[in-house]
């Protein structure tokens, strides 16, 4: 049971990390390039 919860948390953390990296890359780019 604990392993399952731990695993789920890891997935959420990974997802947040990926989103953070993506947002960082987008923020680095100029708004014109994004659109």
PDB file of N, CA and C in Angstrom:
ATOM      1  N   UNK A   1       0.840  -1.197   0.000  1.00  0.00           N
ATOM      2  CA  UNK A   1       0.000   0.000   0.000  1.00  0.00           C
ATOM      3  C   UNK A   1       0.882   1.256   0.000  1.00  0.00           C
ATOM      4  N   UNK A   2       1.842   1.283   0.912  1.00  0.00           N
ATOM      5  CA  UNK A   2       2.710   2.465   0.988  1.00  0.00           C
ATOM      6  C   UNK A   2       3.484   2.661  -0.316  1.00  0.00           C
ATOM      7  N   UNK A   3       3.953   1.554  -0.898  1.00  0.00           N
ATOM      8  CA  UNK A   3       4.718   1.660  -2.144  1.00  0.00           C
ATOM      9  C   UNK A   3       3.859   2.297  -3.235  1.00  0.00           C
ATOM     10  N   UNK A   4       2.584   1.910  -3.305  1.00  0.00           N
ATOM     11  CA  UNK A   4       1.690   2.463  -4.333  1.00  0.00           C
ATOM     12  C   UNK A   4       1.557   3.967  -4.162  1.00  0.00           C
ATOM     13  N   UNK A   5       1.349   4.402  -2.918  1.00  0.00           N
ATOM     14  CA  UNK A   5       1.199   5.838  -2.669  1.00  0.00           C
ATOM     15  C   UNK A   5       2.494   6.559  -3.030  1.00  0.00           C
ATOM     16  N   UNK A   6       3.603   5.971  -2.619  1.00  0.00           N
ATOM     17  CA  UNK A   6       4.902   6.591  -2.891  1.00  0.00           C
ATOM     18  C   UNK A   6       5.099   6.709  -4.408  1.00  0.00           C
ATOM     19  N   UNK A   7       4.714   5.651  -5.110  1.00  0.00           N
ATOM     20  CA  UNK A   7       4.874   5.632  -6.562  1.00  0.00           C
ATOM     21  C   UNK A   7       4.037   6.761  -7.182  1.00  0.00           C
ATOM     22  N   UNK A   8       2.806   6.898  -6.700  1.00  0.00           N
ATOM     23  CA  UNK A   8       1.910   7.923  -7.250  1.00  0.00           C
ATOM     24  C   UNK A   8       2.515   9.317  -7.024  1.00  0.00           C
ATOM     25  N   UNK A   9       3.040   9.542  -5.827  1.00  0.00           N
ATOM     26  CA  UNK A   9       3.651  10.834  -5.531  1.00  0.00           C
ATOM     27  C   UNK A   9       4.814  11.093  -6.483  1.00  0.00           C
ATOM     28  N   UNK A  10       5.619  10.050  -6.731  1.00  0.00           N
ATOM     29  CA  UNK A  10       6.753  10.207  -7.635  1.00  0.00           C
ATOM     30  C   UNK A  10       6.291  10.646  -9.013  1.00  0.00           C
ATOM     31  N   UNK A  11       5.205  10.040  -9.492  1.00  0.00           N
ATOM     32  CA  UNK A  11       4.685  10.391 -10.819  1.00  0.00           C
ATOM     33  C   UNK A  11       4.246  11.848 -10.832  1.00  0.00           C
ATOM     34  N   UNK A  12       3.539  12.261  -9.776  1.00  0.00           N
ATOM     35  CA  UNK A  12       3.074  13.654  -9.705  1.00  0.00           C
ATOM     36  C   UNK A  12       4.273  14.606  -9.695  1.00  0.00           C
ATOM     37  N   UNK A  13       5.289  14.248  -8.897  1.00  0.00           N
ATOM     38  CA  UNK A  13       6.476  15.109  -8.827  1.00  0.00           C
ATOM     39  C   UNK A  13       7.127  15.216 -10.196  1.00  0.00           C
ATOM     40  N   UNK A  14       7.219  14.066 -10.891  1.00  0.00           N
ATOM     41  CA  UNK A  14       7.846  14.051 -12.213  1.00  0.00           C
ATOM     42  C   UNK A  14       7.049  14.947 -13.161  1.00  0.00           C
ATOM     43  N   UNK A  15       5.713  14.810 -13.092  1.00  0.00           N
ATOM     44  CA  UNK A  15       4.852  15.608 -13.983  1.00  0.00           C
ATOM     45  C   UNK A  15       5.058  17.099 -13.706  1.00  0.00           C
ATOM     46  N   UNK A  16       5.091  17.478 -12.426  1.00  0.00           N
ATOM     47  CA  UNK A  16       5.282  18.892 -12.083  1.00  0.00           C
ATOM     48  C   UNK A  16       6.648  19.370 -12.564  1.00  0.00           C
ATOM     49  N   UNK A  17       7.651  18.502 -12.440  1.00  0.00           N
ATOM     50  CA  UNK A  17       8.996  18.882 -12.870  1.00  0.00           C
ATOM     51  C   UNK A  17       9.008  19.143 -14.374  1.00  0.00           C
ATOM     52  N   UNK A  18       8.378  18.236 -15.135  1.00  0.00           N
ATOM     53  CA  UNK A  18       8.336  18.393 -16.593  1.00  0.00           C
ATOM     54  C   UNK A  18       7.611  19.679 -16.958  1.00  0.00           C
ATOM     55  N   UNK A  19       6.486  19.944 -16.279  1.00  0.00           N
ATOM     56  CA  UNK A  19       5.715  21.166 -16.561  1.00  0.00           C
ATOM     57  C   UNK A  19       6.579  22.389 -16.250  1.00  0.00           C
ATOM     58  N   UNK A  20       7.306  22.331 -15.137  1.00  0.00           N
ATOM     59  CA  UNK A  20       8.154  23.456 -14.754  1.00  0.00           C
ATOM     60  C   UNK A  20       9.224  23.713 -15.809  1.00  0.00           C
ATOM     61  N   UNK A  21       9.836  22.652 -16.313  1.00  0.00           N
ATOM     62  CA  UNK A  21      10.871  22.799 -17.348  1.00  0.00           C
ATOM     63  C   UNK A  21      10.261  23.387 -18.612  1.00  0.00           C
ATOM     64  N   UNK A  22       9.086  22.882 -18.986  1.00  0.00           N
ATOM     65  CA  UNK A  22       8.413  23.378 -20.199  1.00  0.00           C
ATOM     66  C   UNK A  22       8.101  24.863 -20.040  1.00  0.00           C
ATOM     67  N   UNK A  23       7.564  25.239 -18.883  1.00  0.00           N
ATOM     68  CA  UNK A  23       7.222  26.650 -18.656  1.00  0.00           C
ATOM     69  C   UNK A  23       8.492  27.498 -18.706  1.00  0.00           C
ATOM     70  N   UNK A  24       9.584  26.972 -18.151  1.00  0.00           N
ATOM     71  CA  UNK A  24      10.844  27.718 -18.151  1.00  0.00           C
ATOM     72  C   UNK A  24      11.312  27.959 -19.582  1.00  0.00           C
ATOM     73  N   UNK A  25      11.218  26.914 -20.417  1.00  0.00           N
ATOM     74  CA  UNK A  25      11.641  27.051 -21.809  1.00  0.00           C
ATOM     75  C   UNK A  25      10.767  28.075 -22.524  1.00  0.00           C
ATOM     76  N   UNK A  26       9.449  27.994 -22.292  1.00  0.00           N
ATOM     77  CA  UNK A  26       8.529  28.938 -22.943  1.00  0.00           C
ATOM     78  C   UNK A  26       8.825  30.361 -22.487  1.00  0.00           C
ATOM     79  N   UNK A  27       9.077  30.536 -21.192  1.00  0.00           N
ATOM     80  CA  UNK A  27       9.318  31.878 -20.658  1.00  0.00           C
ATOM     81  C   UNK A  27      10.617  32.442 -21.250  1.00  0.00           C
ATOM     82  N   UNK A  28      11.586  31.571 -21.506  1.00  0.00           N
ATOM     83  CA  UNK A  28      12.849  32.043 -22.094  1.00  0.00           C
ATOM     84  C   UNK A  28      12.615  32.548 -23.510  1.00  0.00           C
ATOM     85  N   UNK A  29      11.727  31.844 -24.242  1.00  0.00           N
ATOM     86  CA  UNK A  29      11.441  32.269 -25.617  1.00  0.00           C
ATOM     87  C   UNK A  29      10.649  33.570 -25.612  1.00  0.00           C
ATOM     88  N   UNK A  30      10.738  34.332 -26.680  1.00  0.00           N
ATOM     89  CA  UNK A  30       9.976  35.578 -26.765  1.00  0.00           C
ATOM     90  C   UNK A  30       8.527  35.260 -27.120  1.00  0.00           C
ATOM     91  N   UNK A  31       7.570  36.026 -26.613  1.00  0.00           N
ATOM     92  CA  UNK A  31       6.137  35.788 -26.877  1.00  0.00           C
ATOM     93  C   UNK A  31       5.861  35.629 -28.372  1.00  0.00           C
ATOM     94  N   UNK A  32       6.596  36.346 -29.198  1.00  0.00           N
ATOM     95  CA  UNK A  32       6.373  36.272 -30.653  1.00  0.00           C
ATOM     96  C   UNK A  32       6.657  34.860 -31.159  1.00  0.00           C
ATOM     97  N   UNK A  33       7.744  34.244 -30.689  1.00  0.00           N
ATOM     98  CA  UNK A  33       8.094  32.889 -31.138  1.00  0.00           C
ATOM     99  C   UNK A  33       7.039  31.889 -30.677  1.00  0.00           C
ATOM    100  N   UNK A  34       6.540  32.048 -29.457  1.00  0.00           N
ATOM    101  CA  UNK A  34       5.546  31.119 -28.912  1.00  0.00           C
ATOM    102  C   UNK A  34       4.288  31.147 -29.759  1.00  0.00           C
ATOM    103  N   UNK A  35       3.815  32.346 -30.084  1.00  0.00           N
ATOM    104  CA  UNK A  35       2.578  32.464 -30.863  1.00  0.00           C
ATOM    105  C   UNK A  35       2.893  32.163 -32.316  1.00  0.00           C
TER     106      UNK A  35
END
